[in-house]
Amino acid sequence: MWLLRGTTLDRAERILRLGPDLNFVEPGGTAVAENFSFTVEGTPSAVGDSAGYARGKARALPDERGPAVLAIDVPDEVVRMAAVEHLSLFGDLVEYDPGADVGELVVLCGGVVQFDPGPALDGLIAGWGGYVKQIRGVT
């Protein structure tokens, strides 16, 4: 499943090389990232379009060589794990079947796949070197 992360070209290249970094701090910021999230290609997202997000990041960080989308083909099992972990945070507020189609779980997550510290993030990082990845330009 292709996951997309809107960002700047500098950051996309760094993530491509090093993988997700929950210790990353935005320039001028003080807090570390608490999770690592993506939208799913071809699925509407509650947070909007990855290219639009990338454009916003590039405007905010003009020294980071413009907008880019990092695209990563992540196995469905890893995406499912992240979706189930995320949905479990809502307790009884969201009813779901952990064995449901991964696409259904992603829709319940608002089209966002969020990797929090835990088994799904560990799986993402463990497989990072073997995933097909690409940086897509944004106009």
Foldseek 3Di string as FASTA:
>chain_A
DKWKAKAFPQVLVVCLVQNDDQQDAPVVGDHGHQWDKTFHPPDAAPVGDSLVVNQVNCVVPVVRHGMKMKIWDDDLVLQLVQLVVVVVVVPPPDDDDSPDRSVVSCVVVRRMRIGGPDDSSVVCNVCSVVIDMDIGDHD
